Amino acid sequence: MSKTIISTEHAPAAIGTYSQAVRVENTVYMSGQIPLDPKTMEMVEGFEQQAVQVFENLKAVAEAAGGSLNDIVKLNIFLTDLDNFGALNEVMGRYFSAPYPARAAIGVASLPRNACVEMDAVLYLG
């Protein structure tokens, strides 16, 4: 088994001991993305803007891996307020079309840097 570390300046640099993504054969495991602007490393404000930024960050990492958001087969979403679930679905609809990836939406008490949303994903590059 060989693994390749995926990194791009178009997504936030890792703020801990992890890689943006790791590719093993045809599968890419993407680390969690929070709504940091990759240019400033500052959080964006407001739930909708945060959700958009997270999808943009995931998109950048997917592209650096040689894929796109359409290659995501599993998406995990962590929300500090499940009342934002409807707004999340609306934003997600801007980035995905059917058939949609498998998905989990999980309510959590808190996220790094007081983010409202974090997402990680698995891509398959067949």
Protein backbone atom coordinates (compact mmCIF):
# COMPACT_ATOMS: atom_id res chain seq x y z
CA MET A 1 0.00 0.00 0.00
CA SER A 2 1.36 3.38 -0.96
CA LYS A 3 -0.05 6.64 0.24
CA THR A 4 0.28 10.13 -1.14
CA ILE A 5 -0.16 13.27 0.93
CA ILE A 6 -2.42 15.85 -0.74
CA SER A 7 -1.80 19.53 -0.04
CA THR A 8 -2.95 22.79 -1.62
CA GLU A 9 -2.56 26.45 -0.81
CA HIS A 10 -6.16 26.95 -2.01
CA ALA A 11 -7.47 25.43 1.23
CA PRO A 12 -6.48 26.35 4.79
CA ALA A 13 -3.14 25.02 5.95
CA ALA A 14 -3.37 22.34 8.61
CA ILE A 15 -3.66 23.86 12.08
CA GLY A 16 -2.54 20.67 13.80
CA THR A 17 -0.82 17.37 13.27
CA TYR A 18 -2.68 16.22 10.16
CA SER A 19 -2.60 16.42 6.36
CA GLN A 20 -5.30 18.07 4.25
CA ALA A 21 -5.86 14.68 2.62
CA VAL A 22 -4.24 11.30 2.06
CA ARG A 23 -4.65 9.25 -1.11
CA VAL A 24 -4.41 5.47 -0.91
CA GLU A 25 -4.74 3.92 -4.36
CA ASN A 26 -8.06 5.25 -5.76
CA THR A 27 -9.42 6.54 -2.44
CA VAL A 28 -8.80 9.99 -0.94
CA TYR A 29 -9.46 10.61 2.74
CA MET A 30 -10.03 14.32 3.31
CA SER A 31 -9.47 15.85 6.73
CA GLY A 32 -12.13 17.99 8.33
CA GLN A 33 -12.46 21.50 6.96
CA ILE A 34 -13.75 24.41 8.99
CA PRO A 35 -14.72 27.81 7.51
CA LEU A 36 -11.26 29.35 7.41
CA ASP A 37 -10.44 31.60 4.49
CA PRO A 38 -7.23 30.03 3.11
CA LYS A 39 -5.73 33.43 2.25
CA THR A 40 -6.20 35.04 5.66
CA MET A 41 -6.64 31.95 7.88
CA GLU A 42 -9.52 33.85 9.51
CA MET A 43 -13.01 32.47 10.08
CA VAL A 44 -15.79 33.75 7.86
CA GLU A 45 -18.95 34.99 9.60
CA GLY A 46 -22.54 33.72 9.44
CA PHE A 47 -23.76 30.16 8.99
CA GLU A 48 -24.43 30.29 5.24
CA GLN A 49 -21.05 31.89 4.54
CA GLN A 50 -19.37 29.31 6.77
CA ALA A 51 -21.04 26.42 4.93
CA VAL A 52 -20.02 27.90 1.56
CA GLN A 53 -16.41 28.33 2.73
CA VAL A 54 -16.23 24.74 3.95
CA PHE A 55 -17.50 23.44 0.58
CA GLU A 56 -14.98 25.69 -1.21
CA ASN A 57 -12.19 24.32 0.99
CA LEU A 58 -13.26 20.73 0.31
CA LYS A 59 -13.47 21.52 -3.41
CA ALA A 60 -9.90 22.86 -3.41
CA VAL A 61 -8.55 19.74 -1.69
CA ALA A 62 -10.54 17.44 -4.00
CA GLU A 63 -9.11 19.25 -7.04
CA ALA A 64 -5.58 19.01 -5.61
CA ALA A 65 -6.14 15.25 -5.38
CA GLY A 66 -7.13 15.13 -9.05
CA GLY A 67 -10.87 14.94 -8.49
CA SER A 68 -13.89 17.09 -7.76
CA LEU A 69 -16.75 17.29 -5.31
CA ASN A 70 -18.62 14.90 -7.62
CA ASP A 71 -16.13 12.20 -6.61
CA ILE A 72 -17.16 12.35 -2.94
CA VAL A 73 -18.75 9.06 -1.91
CA LYS A 74 -19.10 9.85 1.82
CA LEU A 75 -19.54 13.24 3.47
CA ASN A 76 -19.58 13.78 7.22
CA ILE A 77 -21.05 17.05 8.48
CA PHE A 78 -20.70 18.31 12.03
CA LEU A 79 -23.04 21.09 13.18
CA THR A 80 -23.08 22.96 16.47
CA ASP A 81 -26.76 23.79 15.91
CA LEU A 82 -28.99 21.26 14.15
CA ASP A 83 -31.47 24.08 13.47
CA ASN A 84 -29.06 24.99 10.63
CA PHE A 85 -29.74 21.66 8.89
CA GLY A 86 -32.19 23.16 6.37
CA ALA A 87 -29.80 25.98 5.48
CA LEU A 88 -27.02 23.42 5.09
CA ASN A 89 -29.12 21.38 2.65
CA GLU A 90 -29.79 24.52 0.60
CA VAL A 91 -26.07 25.34 0.37
CA MET A 92 -25.18 21.71 -0.36
CA GLY A 93 -27.65 21.78 -3.25
CA ARG A 94 -25.49 24.45 -4.90
CA TYR A 95 -22.49 22.11 -4.92
CA PHE A 96 -24.01 18.66 -5.57
CA SER A 97 -26.60 17.13 -7.84
CA ALA A 98 -28.11 13.65 -7.83
CA PRO A 99 -26.87 11.07 -7.24
CA TYR A 100 -25.73 12.54 -3.94
CA PRO A 101 -22.96 11.11 -1.78
CA ALA A 102 -23.72 9.13 1.35
CA ARG A 103 -23.87 11.59 4.23
CA ALA A 104 -24.06 11.93 7.99
CA ALA A 105 -25.04 15.12 9.81
CA ILE A 106 -24.02 15.08 13.44
CA GLY A 107 -24.80 17.59 16.17
CA VAL A 108 -21.77 18.45 18.30
CA ALA A 109 -21.20 20.70 21.30
CA SER A 110 -18.34 22.68 19.76
CA LEU A 111 -15.88 22.81 16.87
CA PRO A 112 -12.38 24.27 16.47
CA ARG A 113 -12.21 28.08 16.48
CA ASN A 114 -15.93 28.21 17.36
CA ALA A 115 -16.95 27.19 13.84
CA CYS A 116 -20.63 26.43 13.23
CA VAL A 117 -19.85 23.65 10.75
CA GLU A 118 -17.06 21.23 9.86
CA MET A 119 -16.99 18.59 7.13
CA ASP A 120 -14.73 15.75 6.09
CA ALA A 121 -15.10 13.47 3.09
CA VAL A 122 -13.97 10.36 1.27
CA LEU A 123 -13.43 10.54 -2.49
CA TYR A 124 -13.18 7.66 -4.91
CA LEU A 125 -11.12 8.33 -8.03
CA GLY A 126 -11.89 5.32 -10.22
